[in-house]
């Protein structure tokens, strides 16, 4: 998954495009499955639902407007260096 692809999907999901949200979920499926393997079987369905809710909340809270463009990013890094 590239950051540019995830950013594009976030933009689309913020515009209530269900397919984009489904693609975001699928991008994290391997990580979710890895976490579920570490969880007792009887709790896996509940945990899966919670993880999907957390992803959904992150998408809803993510502010695309606050992501710096390349020049702003470089200037910010210069200021910290």
PDB file of N, CA and C in Angstrom:
ATOM      1  N   UNK A   1       0.856  -1.173   0.000  1.00  0.00           N
ATOM      2  CA  UNK A   1       0.000   0.000   0.000  1.00  0.00           C
ATOM      3  C   UNK A   1       0.897   1.229   0.000  1.00  0.00           C
ATOM      4  N   UNK A   2       0.670   2.081  -0.923  1.00  0.00           N
ATOM      5  CA  UNK A   2       1.455   3.308  -0.941  1.00  0.00           C
ATOM      6  C   UNK A   2       0.711   4.386  -0.175  1.00  0.00           C
ATOM      7  N   UNK A   3       1.479   5.327   0.359  1.00  0.00           N
ATOM      8  CA  UNK A   3       0.858   6.432   1.097  1.00  0.00           C
ATOM      9  C   UNK A   3      -0.047   7.253   0.194  1.00  0.00           C
ATOM     10  N   UNK A   4       0.365   7.435  -1.081  1.00  0.00           N
ATOM     11  CA  UNK A   4      -0.446   8.213  -2.013  1.00  0.00           C
ATOM     12  C   UNK A   4      -1.783   7.524  -2.241  1.00  0.00           C
ATOM     13  N   UNK A   5      -1.764   6.207  -2.358  1.00  0.00           N
ATOM     14  CA  UNK A   5      -3.010   5.456  -2.573  1.00  0.00           C
ATOM     15  C   UNK A   5      -3.910   5.574  -1.344  1.00  0.00           C
ATOM     16  N   UNK A   6      -3.350   5.430  -0.160  1.00  0.00           N
ATOM     17  CA  UNK A   6      -4.140   5.551   1.055  1.00  0.00           C
ATOM     18  C   UNK A   6      -4.709   6.957   1.183  1.00  0.00           C
ATOM     19  N   UNK A   7      -3.915   7.960   0.856  1.00  0.00           N
ATOM     20  CA  UNK A   7      -4.386   9.342   0.914  1.00  0.00           C
ATOM     21  C   UNK A   7      -5.579   9.538  -0.026  1.00  0.00           C
ATOM     22  N   UNK A   8      -5.473   9.001  -1.232  1.00  0.00           N
ATOM     23  CA  UNK A   8      -6.568   9.109  -2.199  1.00  0.00           C
ATOM     24  C   UNK A   8      -7.816   8.403  -1.677  1.00  0.00           C
ATOM     25  N   UNK A   9      -7.632   7.223  -1.114  1.00  0.00           N
ATOM     26  CA  UNK A   9      -8.772   6.496  -0.552  1.00  0.00           C
ATOM     27  C   UNK A   9      -9.393   7.263   0.609  1.00  0.00           C
ATOM     28  N   UNK A  10      -8.566   7.893   1.431  1.00  0.00           N
ATOM     29  CA  UNK A  10      -9.091   8.707   2.532  1.00  0.00           C
ATOM     30  C   UNK A  10      -9.936   9.858   2.006  1.00  0.00           C
ATOM     31  N   UNK A  11      -9.444  10.516   0.958  1.00  0.00           N
ATOM     32  CA  UNK A  11     -10.215  11.611   0.360  1.00  0.00           C
ATOM     33  C   UNK A  11     -11.571  11.105  -0.121  1.00  0.00           C
ATOM     34  N   UNK A  12     -11.558   9.964  -0.786  1.00  0.00           N
ATOM     35  CA  UNK A  12     -12.804   9.410  -1.318  1.00  0.00           C
ATOM     36  C   UNK A  12     -13.738   8.968  -0.188  1.00  0.00           C
ATOM     37  N   UNK A  13     -13.179   8.341   0.832  1.00  0.00           N
ATOM     38  CA  UNK A  13     -13.997   7.890   1.965  1.00  0.00           C
ATOM     39  C   UNK A  13     -14.623   9.079   2.686  1.00  0.00           C
ATOM     40  N   UNK A  14     -13.886  10.181   2.784  1.00  0.00           N
ATOM     41  CA  UNK A  14     -14.424  11.386   3.418  1.00  0.00           C
ATOM     42  C   UNK A  14     -15.603  11.957   2.625  1.00  0.00           C
ATOM     43  N   UNK A  15     -15.688  11.586   1.349  1.00  0.00           N
ATOM     44  CA  UNK A  15     -16.809  12.023   0.506  1.00  0.00           C
ATOM     45  C   UNK A  15     -17.898  10.948   0.465  1.00  0.00           C
ATOM     46  N   UNK A  16     -17.863  10.070   1.466  1.00  0.00           N
ATOM     47  CA  UNK A  16     -18.870   9.013   1.644  1.00  0.00           C
ATOM     48  C   UNK A  16     -18.909   8.001   0.504  1.00  0.00           C
ATOM     49  N   UNK A  17     -17.751   7.711  -0.067  1.00  0.00           N
ATOM     50  CA  UNK A  17     -17.680   6.673  -1.086  1.00  0.00           C
ATOM     51  C   UNK A  17     -17.415   5.337  -0.386  1.00  0.00           C
ATOM     52  N   UNK A  18     -18.442   4.504  -0.352  1.00  0.00           N
ATOM     53  CA  UNK A  18     -18.354   3.237   0.377  1.00  0.00           C
ATOM     54  C   UNK A  18     -17.253   2.329  -0.149  1.00  0.00           C
ATOM     55  N   UNK A  19     -17.057   2.307  -1.456  1.00  0.00           N
ATOM     56  CA  UNK A  19     -16.022   1.446  -2.034  1.00  0.00           C
ATOM     57  C   UNK A  19     -14.635   1.831  -1.529  1.00  0.00           C
ATOM     58  N   UNK A  20     -14.385   3.113  -1.360  1.00  0.00           N
ATOM     59  CA  UNK A  20     -13.090   3.567  -0.850  1.00  0.00           C
ATOM     60  C   UNK A  20     -12.888   3.074   0.581  1.00  0.00           C
ATOM     61  N   UNK A  21     -13.920   3.132   1.385  1.00  0.00           N
ATOM     62  CA  UNK A  21     -13.825   2.655   2.761  1.00  0.00           C
ATOM     63  C   UNK A  21     -13.562   1.149   2.792  1.00  0.00           C
ATOM     64  N   UNK A  22     -14.222   0.417   1.930  1.00  0.00           N
ATOM     65  CA  UNK A  22     -13.980  -1.026   1.843  1.00  0.00           C
ATOM     66  C   UNK A  22     -12.538  -1.314   1.437  1.00  0.00           C
ATOM     67  N   UNK A  23     -11.990  -0.514   0.541  1.00  0.00           N
ATOM     68  CA  UNK A  23     -10.598  -0.696   0.120  1.00  0.00           C
ATOM     69  C   UNK A  23      -9.632  -0.356   1.256  1.00  0.00           C
ATOM     70  N   UNK A  24      -9.972   0.635   2.054  1.00  0.00           N
ATOM     71  CA  UNK A  24      -9.139   0.954   3.227  1.00  0.00           C
ATOM     72  C   UNK A  24      -9.146  -0.233   4.182  1.00  0.00           C
ATOM     73  N   UNK A  25     -10.324  -0.782   4.443  1.00  0.00           N
ATOM     74  CA  UNK A  25     -10.407  -1.959   5.312  1.00  0.00           C
ATOM     75  C   UNK A  25      -9.549  -3.094   4.758  1.00  0.00           C
ATOM     76  N   UNK A  26      -9.637  -3.317   3.454  1.00  0.00           N
ATOM     77  CA  UNK A  26      -8.875  -4.425   2.865  1.00  0.00           C
ATOM     78  C   UNK A  26      -7.374  -4.179   2.953  1.00  0.00           C
ATOM     79  N   UNK A  27      -6.950  -2.915   2.933  1.00  0.00           N
ATOM     80  CA  UNK A  27      -5.531  -2.594   3.055  1.00  0.00           C
ATOM     81  C   UNK A  27      -4.979  -3.028   4.420  1.00  0.00           C
ATOM     82  N   UNK A  28      -5.826  -3.038   5.422  1.00  0.00           N
ATOM     83  CA  UNK A  28      -5.398  -3.380   6.773  1.00  0.00           C
ATOM     84  C   UNK A  28      -5.744  -4.817   7.161  1.00  0.00           C
ATOM     85  N   UNK A  29      -6.303  -5.576   6.240  1.00  0.00           N
ATOM     86  CA  UNK A  29      -6.776  -6.927   6.559  1.00  0.00           C
ATOM     87  C   UNK A  29      -5.661  -7.840   7.059  1.00  0.00           C
ATOM     88  N   UNK A  30      -4.488  -7.801   6.445  1.00  0.00           N
ATOM     89  CA  UNK A  30      -3.392  -8.668   6.902  1.00  0.00           C
ATOM     90  C   UNK A  30      -2.988  -8.347   8.333  1.00  0.00           C
ATOM     91  N   UNK A  31      -2.939  -7.083   8.668  1.00  0.00           N
ATOM     92  CA  UNK A  31      -2.592  -6.671  10.036  1.00  0.00           C
ATOM     93  C   UNK A  31      -3.682  -7.112  11.014  1.00  0.00           C
ATOM     94  N   UNK A  32      -4.918  -6.962  10.609  1.00  0.00           N
ATOM     95  CA  UNK A  32      -6.036  -7.380  11.457  1.00  0.00           C
ATOM     96  C   UNK A  32      -5.965  -8.886  11.700  1.00  0.00           C
ATOM     97  N   UNK A  33      -5.740  -9.653  10.645  1.00  0.00           N
ATOM     98  CA  UNK A  33      -5.645 -11.106  10.785  1.00  0.00           C
ATOM     99  C   UNK A  33      -4.488 -11.485  11.706  1.00  0.00           C
ATOM    100  N   UNK A  34      -3.373 -10.794  11.609  1.00  0.00           N
ATOM    101  CA  UNK A  34      -2.227 -11.077  12.478  1.00  0.00           C
ATOM    102  C   UNK A  34      -2.588 -10.827  13.941  1.00  0.00           C
ATOM    103  N   UNK A  35      -3.313  -9.750  14.194  1.00  0.00           N
ATOM    104  CA  UNK A  35      -3.731  -9.450  15.563  1.00  0.00           C
ATOM    105  C   UNK A  35      -4.728 -10.484  16.072  1.00  0.00           C
ATOM    106  N   UNK A  36      -5.621 -10.913  15.199  1.00  0.00           N
ATOM    107  CA  UNK A  36      -6.630 -11.884  15.610  1.00  0.00           C
ATOM    108  C   UNK A  36      -6.006 -13.226  15.975  1.00  0.00           C
ATOM    109  N   UNK A  37      -4.935 -13.609  15.302  1.00  0.00           N
ATOM    110  CA  UNK A  37      -4.263 -14.882  15.607  1.00  0.00           C
ATOM    111  C   UNK A  37      -3.677 -14.875  17.018  1.00  0.00           C
ATOM    112  N   UNK A  38      -3.451 -13.719  17.575  1.00  0.00           N
ATOM    113  CA  UNK A  38      -2.893 -13.606  18.924  1.00  0.00           C
ATOM    114  C   UNK A  38      -3.986 -13.519  19.990  1.00  0.00           C
ATOM    115  N   UNK A  39      -5.231 -13.621  19.553  1.00  0.00           N
ATOM    116  CA  UNK A  39      -6.385 -13.456  20.438  1.00  0.00           C
ATOM    117  C   UNK A  39      -7.111 -14.790  20.572  1.00  0.00           C
ATOM    118  N   UNK A  40      -7.585 -15.118  21.761  1.00  0.00           N
ATOM    119  CA  UNK A  40      -8.373 -16.347  21.913  1.00  0.00           C
ATOM    120  C   UNK A  40      -9.537 -16.378  20.914  1.00  0.00           C
ATOM    121  N   UNK A  41      -9.806 -17.559  20.414  1.00  0.00           N
ATOM    122  CA  UNK A  41     -10.802 -17.732  19.352  1.00  0.00           C
ATOM    123  C   UNK A  41     -12.152 -17.103  19.689  1.00  0.00           C
ATOM    124  N   UNK A  42     -12.600 -17.266  20.925  1.00  0.00           N
ATOM    125  CA  UNK A  42     -13.942 -16.791  21.285  1.00  0.00           C
ATOM    126  C   UNK A  42     -14.066 -15.267  21.279  1.00  0.00           C
ATOM    127  N   UNK A  43     -12.943 -14.554  21.235  1.00  0.00           N
ATOM    128  CA  UNK A  43     -12.976 -13.081  21.225  1.00  0.00           C
ATOM    129  C   UNK A  43     -12.685 -12.477  19.845  1.00  0.00           C
ATOM    130  N   UNK A  44     -12.366 -13.300  18.888  1.00  0.00           N
ATOM    131  CA  UNK A  44     -11.914 -12.786  17.584  1.00  0.00           C
ATOM    132  C   UNK A  44     -12.968 -11.982  16.840  1.00  0.00           C
ATOM    133  N   UNK A  45     -14.207 -12.448  16.815  1.00  0.00           N
ATOM    134  CA  UNK A  45     -15.243 -11.696  16.096  1.00  0.00           C
ATOM    135  C   UNK A  45     -15.451 -10.311  16.704  1.00  0.00           C
ATOM    136  N   UNK A  46     -15.483 -10.260  18.031  1.00  0.00           N
ATOM    137  CA  UNK A  46     -15.653  -8.973  18.710  1.00  0.00           C
ATOM    138  C   UNK A  46     -14.472  -8.048  18.425  1.00  0.00           C
ATOM    139  N   UNK A  47     -13.262  -8.612  18.487  1.00  0.00           N
ATOM    140  CA  UNK A  47     -12.080  -7.798  18.226  1.00  0.00           C
ATOM    141  C   UNK A  47     -12.068  -7.293  16.791  1.00  0.00           C
ATOM    142  N   UNK A  48     -12.432  -8.154  15.840  1.00  0.00           N
ATOM    143  CA  UNK A  48     -12.484  -7.728  14.431  1.00  0.00           C
ATOM    144  C   UNK A  48     -13.428  -6.538  14.283  1.00  0.00           C
ATOM    145  N   UNK A  49     -14.600  -6.622  14.890  1.00  0.00           N
ATOM    146  CA  UNK A  49     -15.556  -5.521  14.808  1.00  0.00           C
ATOM    147  C   UNK A  49     -14.988  -4.250  15.424  1.00  0.00           C
ATOM    148  N   UNK A  50     -14.330  -4.388  16.559  1.00  0.00           N
ATOM    149  CA  UNK A  50     -13.735  -3.220  17.216  1.00  0.00           C
ATOM    150  C   UNK A  50     -12.643  -2.587  16.357  1.00  0.00           C
ATOM    151  N   UNK A  51     -11.841  -3.421  15.711  1.00  0.00           N
ATOM    152  CA  UNK A  51     -10.781  -2.885  14.861  1.00  0.00           C
ATOM    153  C   UNK A  51     -11.358  -2.145  13.666  1.00  0.00           C
ATOM    154  N   UNK A  52     -12.424  -2.680  13.081  1.00  0.00           N
ATOM    155  CA  UNK A  52     -13.075  -1.981  11.974  1.00  0.00           C
ATOM    156  C   UNK A  52     -13.676  -0.653  12.435  1.00  0.00           C
ATOM    157  N   UNK A  53     -14.252  -0.647  13.625  1.00  0.00           N
ATOM    158  CA  UNK A  53     -14.799   0.600  14.175  1.00  0.00           C
ATOM    159  C   UNK A  53     -13.679   1.619  14.367  1.00  0.00           C
ATOM    160  N   UNK A  54     -12.536   1.170  14.874  1.00  0.00           N
ATOM    161  CA  UNK A  54     -11.402   2.080  15.093  1.00  0.00           C
ATOM    162  C   UNK A  54     -10.894   2.649  13.768  1.00  0.00           C
ATOM    163  N   UNK A  55     -10.846   1.824  12.740  1.00  0.00           N
ATOM    164  CA  UNK A  55     -10.431   2.315  11.417  1.00  0.00           C
ATOM    165  C   UNK A  55     -11.433   3.348  10.920  1.00  0.00           C
ATOM    166  N   UNK A  56     -12.711   3.050  11.052  1.00  0.00           N
ATOM    167  CA  UNK A  56     -13.754   3.982  10.632  1.00  0.00           C
ATOM    168  C   UNK A  56     -13.646   5.304  11.388  1.00  0.00           C
ATOM    169  N   UNK A  57     -13.425   5.234  12.694  1.00  0.00           N
ATOM    170  CA  UNK A  57     -13.270   6.454  13.489  1.00  0.00           C
ATOM    171  C   UNK A  57     -12.044   7.248  13.048  1.00  0.00           C
ATOM    172  N   UNK A  58     -10.959   6.546  12.733  1.00  0.00           N
ATOM    173  CA  UNK A  58      -9.744   7.233  12.281  1.00  0.00           C
ATOM    174  C   UNK A  58      -9.989   7.949  10.957  1.00  0.00           C
ATOM    175  N   UNK A  59     -10.717   7.300  10.062  1.00  0.00           N
ATOM    176  CA  UNK A  59     -11.033   7.931   8.777  1.00  0.00           C
ATOM    177  C   UNK A  59     -11.888   9.173   9.010  1.00  0.00           C
ATOM    178  N   UNK A  60     -12.881   9.053   9.879  1.00  0.00           N
ATOM    179  CA  UNK A  60     -13.768  10.188  10.148  1.00  0.00           C
ATOM    180  C   UNK A  60     -13.025  11.354  10.793  1.00  0.00           C
ATOM    181  N   UNK A  61     -12.079  11.055  11.678  1.00  0.00           N
ATOM    182  CA  UNK A  61     -11.352  12.108  12.398  1.00  0.00           C
ATOM    183  C   UNK A  61     -10.209  12.703  11.586  1.00  0.00           C
ATOM    184  N   UNK A  62      -9.723  11.976  10.609  1.00  0.00           N
ATOM    185  CA  UNK A  62      -8.566  12.422   9.842  1.00  0.00           C
ATOM    186  C   UNK A  62      -8.900  13.697   9.080  1.00  0.00           C
ATOM    187  N   UNK A  63      -8.099  14.714   9.269  1.00  0.00           N
ATOM    188  CA  UNK A  63      -8.335  16.000   8.614  1.00  0.00           C
ATOM    189  C   UNK A  63      -7.393  16.152   7.427  1.00  0.00           C
ATOM    190  N   UNK A  64      -7.947  15.991   6.255  1.00  0.00           N
ATOM    191  CA  UNK A  64      -7.152  16.104   5.025  1.00  0.00           C
ATOM    192  C   UNK A  64      -6.594  17.508   4.884  1.00  0.00           C
ATOM    193  N   UNK A  65      -7.334  18.491   5.356  1.00  0.00           N
ATOM    194  CA  UNK A  65      -6.900  19.884   5.228  1.00  0.00           C
ATOM    195  C   UNK A  65      -5.639  20.181   6.038  1.00  0.00           C
ATOM    196  N   UNK A  66      -5.374  19.379   7.063  1.00  0.00           N
ATOM    197  CA  UNK A  66      -4.211  19.619   7.909  1.00  0.00           C
ATOM    198  C   UNK A  66      -2.949  18.914   7.438  1.00  0.00           C
ATOM    199  N   UNK A  67      -3.050  18.157   6.358  1.00  0.00           N
ATOM    200  CA  UNK A  67      -1.874  17.480   5.813  1.00  0.00           C
ATOM    201  C   UNK A  67      -1.058  18.510   5.042  1.00  0.00           C
ATOM    202  N   UNK A  68       0.210  18.689   5.405  1.00  0.00           N
ATOM    203  CA  UNK A  68       1.014  19.708   4.718  1.00  0.00           C
ATOM    204  C   UNK A  68       1.360  19.291   3.301  1.00  0.00           C
ATOM    205  N   UNK A  69       1.506  20.288   2.417  1.00  0.00           N
ATOM    206  CA  UNK A  69       2.010  19.970   1.091  1.00  0.00           C
ATOM    207  C   UNK A  69       3.520  19.763   1.216  1.00  0.00           C
ATOM    208  N   UNK A  70       4.162  19.416   0.139  1.00  0.00           N
ATOM    209  CA  UNK A  70       5.579  19.069   0.185  1.00  0.00           C
ATOM    210  C   UNK A  70       6.434  20.219   0.720  1.00  0.00           C
ATOM    211  N   UNK A  71       6.183  21.444   0.252  1.00  0.00           N
ATOM    212  CA  UNK A  71       6.968  22.593   0.697  1.00  0.00           C
ATOM    213  C   UNK A  71       6.784  22.840   2.195  1.00  0.00           C
ATOM    214  N   UNK A  72       5.565  22.742   2.680  1.00  0.00           N
ATOM    215  CA  UNK A  72       5.301  22.928   4.106  1.00  0.00           C
ATOM    216  C   UNK A  72       5.998  21.849   4.926  1.00  0.00           C
ATOM    217  N   UNK A  73       5.978  20.629   4.411  1.00  0.00           N
ATOM    218  CA  UNK A  73       6.622  19.512   5.095  1.00  0.00           C
ATOM    219  C   UNK A  73       8.117  19.762   5.227  1.00  0.00           C
ATOM    220  N   UNK A  74       8.762  20.199   4.147  1.00  0.00           N
ATOM    221  CA  UNK A  74      10.201  20.458   4.145  1.00  0.00           C
ATOM    222  C   UNK A  74      10.524  21.584   5.125  1.00  0.00           C
ATOM    223  N   UNK A  75       9.748  22.648   5.098  1.00  0.00           N
ATOM    224  CA  UNK A  75       9.978  23.767   5.995  1.00  0.00           C
ATOM    225  C   UNK A  75       9.828  23.338   7.462  1.00  0.00           C
ATOM    226  N   UNK A  76       8.859  22.506   7.718  1.00  0.00           N
ATOM    227  CA  UNK A  76       8.656  22.016   9.087  1.00  0.00           C
ATOM    228  C   UNK A  76       9.864  21.180   9.528  1.00  0.00           C
ATOM    229  N   UNK A  77      10.375  20.355   8.639  1.00  0.00           N
ATOM    230  CA  UNK A  77      11.533  19.511   8.970  1.00  0.00           C
ATOM    231  C   UNK A  77      12.785  20.361   9.176  1.00  0.00           C
ATOM    232  N   UNK A  78      12.941  21.417   8.404  1.00  0.00           N
ATOM    233  CA  UNK A  78      14.083  22.318   8.577  1.00  0.00           C
ATOM    234  C   UNK A  78      14.044  22.969   9.942  1.00  0.00           C
ATOM    235  N   UNK A  79      12.852  23.354  10.369  1.00  0.00           N
ATOM    236  CA  UNK A  79      12.690  24.015  11.650  1.00  0.00           C
ATOM    237  C   UNK A  79      13.003  23.103  12.826  1.00  0.00           C
ATOM    238  N   UNK A  80      12.819  21.795  12.639  1.00  0.00           N
ATOM    239  CA  UNK A  80      13.091  20.836  13.719  1.00  0.00           C
ATOM    240  C   UNK A  80      14.529  20.346  13.704  1.00  0.00           C
ATOM    241  N   UNK A  81      15.228  20.561  12.609  1.00  0.00           N
ATOM    242  CA  UNK A  81      16.576  20.007  12.463  1.00  0.00           C
ATOM    243  C   UNK A  81      17.649  20.796  13.028  1.00  0.00           C
TER     244      UNK A  81
END
